[in-house]
């Protein structure tokens, strides 16, 4: 009669090694995924920086238009929201 591998008695130390290998492989997998997420966030932050710079430019233009309207006594346009 052939013995099944599952019939083997496993020591506590062997079980600890098996469980540790499972956790380690899961940690390696998660580390790779988090590195990919960090890279994507880096790209997002670059785009947000560009957009923030553009908004600063728009704020500057609005301030200049307000100044011109005030200086020339022009009624500002009402913007629909």
C-alpha atoms as a PDB file:
ATOM      1  CA  UNK A   1       0.000   0.000   0.000  1.00  0.00           C
ATOM      2  CA  UNK A   2       1.464   3.365  -1.099  1.00  0.00           C
ATOM      3  CA  UNK A   3       1.553   6.123   1.443  1.00  0.00           C
ATOM      4  CA  UNK A   4       0.004   9.434   0.481  1.00  0.00           C
ATOM      5  CA  UNK A   5       2.197  12.521   1.013  1.00  0.00           C
ATOM      6  CA  UNK A   6      -0.574  14.023   3.120  1.00  0.00           C
ATOM      7  CA  UNK A   7      -0.242  11.209   5.653  1.00  0.00           C
ATOM      8  CA  UNK A   8       3.225  12.489   6.688  1.00  0.00           C
ATOM      9  CA  UNK A   9       3.435  13.940  10.168  1.00  0.00           C
ATOM     10  CA  UNK A  10       4.634  17.538   9.998  1.00  0.00           C
ATOM     11  CA  UNK A  11       6.591  19.028  12.843  1.00  0.00           C
ATOM     12  CA  UNK A  12       5.802  22.437  14.243  1.00  0.00           C
ATOM     13  CA  UNK A  13       9.045  23.809  12.801  1.00  0.00           C
ATOM     14  CA  UNK A  14       8.206  22.480   9.323  1.00  0.00           C
ATOM     15  CA  UNK A  15       4.735  23.970   9.536  1.00  0.00           C
ATOM     16  CA  UNK A  16       6.241  27.314  10.560  1.00  0.00           C
ATOM     17  CA  UNK A  17       8.554  27.229   7.521  1.00  0.00           C
ATOM     18  CA  UNK A  18       5.657  26.397   5.176  1.00  0.00           C
ATOM     19  CA  UNK A  19       3.518  29.220   6.569  1.00  0.00           C
ATOM     20  CA  UNK A  20       6.444  31.650   6.436  1.00  0.00           C
ATOM     21  CA  UNK A  21       7.027  30.850   2.756  1.00  0.00           C
ATOM     22  CA  UNK A  22       3.358  31.558   2.049  1.00  0.00           C
ATOM     23  CA  UNK A  23       3.484  34.888   3.856  1.00  0.00           C
ATOM     24  CA  UNK A  24       6.778  35.838   2.202  1.00  0.00           C
ATOM     25  CA  UNK A  25       5.482  35.177  -1.299  1.00  0.00           C
ATOM     26  CA  UNK A  26       2.376  37.231  -0.515  1.00  0.00           C
ATOM     27  CA  UNK A  27       4.527  40.081   0.827  1.00  0.00           C
ATOM     28  CA  UNK A  28       6.688  40.022  -2.328  1.00  0.00           C
ATOM     29  CA  UNK A  29       3.544  40.186  -4.463  1.00  0.00           C
ATOM     30  CA  UNK A  30       2.142  43.102  -2.447  1.00  0.00           C
ATOM     31  CA  UNK A  31       5.479  44.955  -2.575  1.00  0.00           C
ATOM     32  CA  UNK A  32       5.453  44.782  -6.388  1.00  0.00           C
ATOM     33  CA  UNK A  33       1.871  46.047  -6.502  1.00  0.00           C
ATOM     34  CA  UNK A  34       2.590  48.937  -4.120  1.00  0.00           C
ATOM     35  CA  UNK A  35       5.634  49.923  -6.188  1.00  0.00           C
ATOM     36  CA  UNK A  36       3.390  50.108  -9.256  1.00  0.00           C
ATOM     37  CA  UNK A  37       0.846  52.209  -7.350  1.00  0.00           C
ATOM     38  CA  UNK A  38       3.588  54.545  -6.103  1.00  0.00           C
ATOM     39  CA  UNK A  39       4.805  55.001  -9.678  1.00  0.00           C
ATOM     40  CA  UNK A  40       1.272  55.840 -10.869  1.00  0.00           C
ATOM     41  CA  UNK A  41       0.839  58.367  -8.044  1.00  0.00           C
ATOM     42  CA  UNK A  42       4.133  59.966  -9.057  1.00  0.00           C
ATOM     43  CA  UNK A  43       2.741  60.457 -12.553  1.00  0.00           C
ATOM     44  CA  UNK A  44      -0.534  61.831 -11.173  1.00  0.00           C
ATOM     45  CA  UNK A  45       1.317  64.313  -8.959  1.00  0.00           C
ATOM     46  CA  UNK A  46       3.307  65.551 -11.963  1.00  0.00           C
ATOM     47  CA  UNK A  47       0.080  66.213 -13.872  1.00  0.00           C
ATOM     48  CA  UNK A  48      -1.459  67.931 -10.848  1.00  0.00           C
ATOM     49  CA  UNK A  49       1.600  70.173 -10.566  1.00  0.00           C
ATOM     50  CA  UNK A  50       1.198  71.221 -14.209  1.00  0.00           C
ATOM     51  CA  UNK A  51      -2.501  71.916 -13.648  1.00  0.00           C
ATOM     52  CA  UNK A  52      -1.738  73.899 -10.493  1.00  0.00           C
ATOM     53  CA  UNK A  53       0.778  76.017 -12.398  1.00  0.00           C
ATOM     54  CA  UNK A  54      -1.810  76.682 -15.108  1.00  0.00           C
ATOM     55  CA  UNK A  55      -4.394  77.689 -12.509  1.00  0.00           C
ATOM     56  CA  UNK A  56      -1.886  80.149 -11.072  1.00  0.00           C
ATOM     57  CA  UNK A  57      -1.556  81.634 -14.564  1.00  0.00           C
ATOM     58  CA  UNK A  58      -5.353  81.898 -14.866  1.00  0.00           C
ATOM     59  CA  UNK A  59      -5.520  83.654 -11.506  1.00  0.00           C
ATOM     60  CA  UNK A  60      -2.922  86.120 -12.701  1.00  0.00           C
ATOM     61  CA  UNK A  61      -4.888  86.790 -15.907  1.00  0.00           C
ATOM     62  CA  UNK A  62      -8.124  87.282 -13.942  1.00  0.00           C
ATOM     63  CA  UNK A  63      -6.392  89.794 -11.677  1.00  0.00           C
ATOM     64  CA  UNK A  64      -5.114  91.684 -14.728  1.00  0.00           C
ATOM     65  CA  UNK A  65      -8.559  91.698 -16.392  1.00  0.00           C
ATOM     66  CA  UNK A  66     -10.115  92.996 -13.161  1.00  0.00           C
ATOM     67  CA  UNK A  67      -7.518  95.754 -13.069  1.00  0.00           C
ATOM     68  CA  UNK A  68      -8.193  96.734 -16.708  1.00  0.00           C
ATOM     69  CA  UNK A  69     -11.968  96.722 -16.171  1.00  0.00           C
ATOM     70  CA  UNK A  70     -11.607  98.890 -13.093  1.00  0.00           C
ATOM     71  CA  UNK A  71      -9.183 101.284 -14.778  1.00  0.00           C
ATOM     72  CA  UNK A  72     -11.336 101.679 -17.899  1.00  0.00           C
ATOM     73  CA  UNK A  73     -14.551 101.658 -15.866  1.00  0.00           C
ATOM     74  CA  UNK A  74     -15.950  98.677 -17.803  1.00  0.00           C
ATOM     75  CA  UNK A  75     -18.726  96.542 -16.371  1.00  0.00           C
ATOM     76  CA  UNK A  76     -17.460  93.000 -15.799  1.00  0.00           C
ATOM     77  CA  UNK A  77     -19.236  90.219 -17.642  1.00  0.00           C
ATOM     78  CA  UNK A  78     -21.529  88.082 -15.543  1.00  0.00           C
ATOM     79  CA  UNK A  79     -20.532  84.461 -15.883  1.00  0.00           C
ATOM     80  CA  UNK A  80     -23.311  81.909 -15.795  1.00  0.00           C
ATOM     81  CA  UNK A  81     -22.808  79.072 -13.378  1.00  0.00           C
END
